[in-house]
Structures are given as structure tokens and as C-alpha cells.
Amino acid sequence: MTFIIQNFGPNLARLRIEKGVSQTQLAEDLGIGKQSISDYEKQKSYPTFANLDKIAEYFNANSNPTIWN
């Protein structure tokens, strides 16, 4: 599980960039703070389950941790 968590930030950044949205736009679209997105991508913090579900839905992904591997 630790490996999956370690990959979350880089994978979030990759998905966001592939979709062509800024951290600010992603934060606004999800209704969470821009600093939270930045912290997730830098692996300073990790999303709550509620925010993880929002992120997964936004990227049409499954919130199952294996997709972030």
C-alpha cells in the first residue's frame, strides 16, 4: 500500500497535465483548495476519502488505490 500512496502525487500531476488543467482550475472544479492540490502533487499530504472520490470522478477513474499505482 505504501507504494501506491507514494505514486499518488506524481500520477495526479500527470493526469492533470494530460487533461490540460492548472492546479487552480482543478481545485475550483473539485471545490477544494488550490494548496491542497499542490500538497497532494508534492506528496506533502494526501486527500481524504471524500476528496479522493472527487478526484477519481473528475478523471473518470476508479478510486480503488490500485489505479494510482
C-alpha atoms as a PDB file:
ATOM      1  CA  MET A   1       0.000   0.000   0.000  1.00  0.00           C
ATOM      2  CA  THR A   2       2.843   2.412   0.720  1.00  0.00           C
ATOM      3  CA  PHE A   3       3.992   2.110  -2.901  1.00  0.00           C
ATOM      4  CA  ILE A   4       0.557   3.141  -4.116  1.00  0.00           C
ATOM      5  CA  ILE A   5       0.462   6.170  -1.836  1.00  0.00           C
ATOM      6  CA  GLN A   6       3.953   7.184  -2.957  1.00  0.00           C
ATOM      7  CA  ASN A   7       2.767   7.293  -6.570  1.00  0.00           C
ATOM      8  CA  PHE A   8      -0.401   9.270  -5.936  1.00  0.00           C
ATOM      9  CA  GLY A   9       1.127  12.747  -6.247  1.00  0.00           C
ATOM     10  CA  PRO A  10       3.069  12.167  -9.469  1.00  0.00           C
ATOM     11  CA  ASN A  11       0.099  10.393 -11.024  1.00  0.00           C
ATOM     12  CA  LEU A  12      -2.281  13.183 -10.045  1.00  0.00           C
ATOM     13  CA  ALA A  13       0.067  15.729 -11.635  1.00  0.00           C
ATOM     14  CA  ARG A  14       0.344  13.599 -14.784  1.00  0.00           C
ATOM     15  CA  LEU A  15      -3.418  13.222 -15.127  1.00  0.00           C
ATOM     16  CA  ARG A  16      -3.981  16.923 -14.517  1.00  0.00           C
ATOM     17  CA  ILE A  17      -1.395  17.930 -17.114  1.00  0.00           C
ATOM     18  CA  GLU A  18      -2.727  15.411 -19.645  1.00  0.00           C
ATOM     19  CA  LYS A  19      -6.181  16.933 -19.177  1.00  0.00           C
ATOM     20  CA  GLY A  20      -4.696  20.402 -19.681  1.00  0.00           C
ATOM     21  CA  VAL A  21      -5.891  21.999 -16.451  1.00  0.00           C
ATOM     22  CA  SER A  22      -3.994  24.073 -13.918  1.00  0.00           C
ATOM     23  CA  GLN A  23      -3.878  23.301 -10.228  1.00  0.00           C
ATOM     24  CA  THR A  24      -6.105  26.317  -9.663  1.00  0.00           C
ATOM     25  CA  GLN A  25      -8.698  25.134 -12.183  1.00  0.00           C
ATOM     26  CA  LEU A  26      -8.674  21.603 -10.785  1.00  0.00           C
ATOM     27  CA  ALA A  27      -9.151  22.932  -7.265  1.00  0.00           C
ATOM     28  CA  GLU A  28     -12.065  25.123  -8.373  1.00  0.00           C
ATOM     29  CA  ASP A  29     -13.666  22.268 -10.307  1.00  0.00           C
ATOM     30  CA  LEU A  30     -13.397  19.963  -7.298  1.00  0.00           C
ATOM     31  CA  GLY A  31     -14.358  22.553  -4.687  1.00  0.00           C
ATOM     32  CA  ILE A  32     -11.160  22.149  -2.695  1.00  0.00           C
ATOM     33  CA  GLY A  33      -8.251  24.493  -2.019  1.00  0.00           C
ATOM     34  CA  LYS A  34      -5.500  25.035  -4.573  1.00  0.00           C
ATOM     35  CA  GLN A  35      -2.942  24.486  -1.819  1.00  0.00           C
ATOM     36  CA  SER A  36      -4.414  21.013  -1.255  1.00  0.00           C
ATOM     37  CA  ILE A  37      -3.835  20.092  -4.906  1.00  0.00           C
ATOM     38  CA  SER A  38      -0.289  21.410  -4.689  1.00  0.00           C
ATOM     39  CA  ASP A  39       0.331  19.476  -1.474  1.00  0.00           C
ATOM     40  CA  TYR A  40      -1.068  16.257  -2.974  1.00  0.00           C
ATOM     41  CA  GLU A  41       1.178  16.560  -6.015  1.00  0.00           C
ATOM     42  CA  LYS A  42       4.240  17.328  -3.876  1.00  0.00           C
ATOM     43  CA  GLN A  43       3.288  14.474  -1.547  1.00  0.00           C
ATOM     44  CA  LYS A  44       3.155  16.799   1.440  1.00  0.00           C
ATOM     45  CA  SER A  45      -0.321  15.493   2.226  1.00  0.00           C
ATOM     46  CA  TYR A  46      -2.858  13.065   0.847  1.00  0.00           C
ATOM     47  CA  PRO A  47      -6.551  13.527   0.076  1.00  0.00           C
ATOM     48  CA  THR A  48      -9.355  12.490   2.350  1.00  0.00           C
ATOM     49  CA  PHE A  49     -11.514   9.668   1.059  1.00  0.00           C
ATOM     50  CA  ALA A  50     -14.133  12.253   0.078  1.00  0.00           C
ATOM     51  CA  ASN A  51     -11.611  14.239  -1.951  1.00  0.00           C
ATOM     52  CA  LEU A  52     -10.142  11.067  -3.412  1.00  0.00           C
ATOM     53  CA  ASP A  53     -13.612  10.197  -4.717  1.00  0.00           C
ATOM     54  CA  LYS A  54     -13.952  13.695  -6.232  1.00  0.00           C
ATOM     55  CA  ILE A  55     -10.563  13.354  -7.926  1.00  0.00           C
ATOM     56  CA  ALA A  56     -11.366   9.891  -9.266  1.00  0.00           C
ATOM     57  CA  GLU A  57     -14.724  11.062 -10.628  1.00  0.00           C
ATOM     58  CA  TYR A  58     -13.128  14.126 -12.230  1.00  0.00           C
ATOM     59  CA  PHE A  59     -10.651  11.969 -14.121  1.00  0.00           C
ATOM     60  CA  ASN A  60     -13.216   9.233 -14.844  1.00  0.00           C
ATOM     61  CA  ALA A  61     -11.122   6.840 -12.822  1.00  0.00           C
ATOM     62  CA  ASN A  62     -11.789   4.323 -10.105  1.00  0.00           C
ATOM     63  CA  SER A  63     -10.988   5.425  -6.553  1.00  0.00           C
ATOM     64  CA  ASN A  64      -9.530   1.972  -5.942  1.00  0.00           C
ATOM     65  CA  PRO A  65      -5.934   2.629  -4.865  1.00  0.00           C
ATOM     66  CA  THR A  66      -4.532   0.254  -7.480  1.00  0.00           C
ATOM     67  CA  ILE A  67      -5.272   2.739 -10.284  1.00  0.00           C
ATOM     68  CA  TRP A  68      -2.782   5.179  -8.802  1.00  0.00           C
ATOM     69  CA  ASN A  69      -0.023   2.583  -8.957  1.00  0.00           C
END
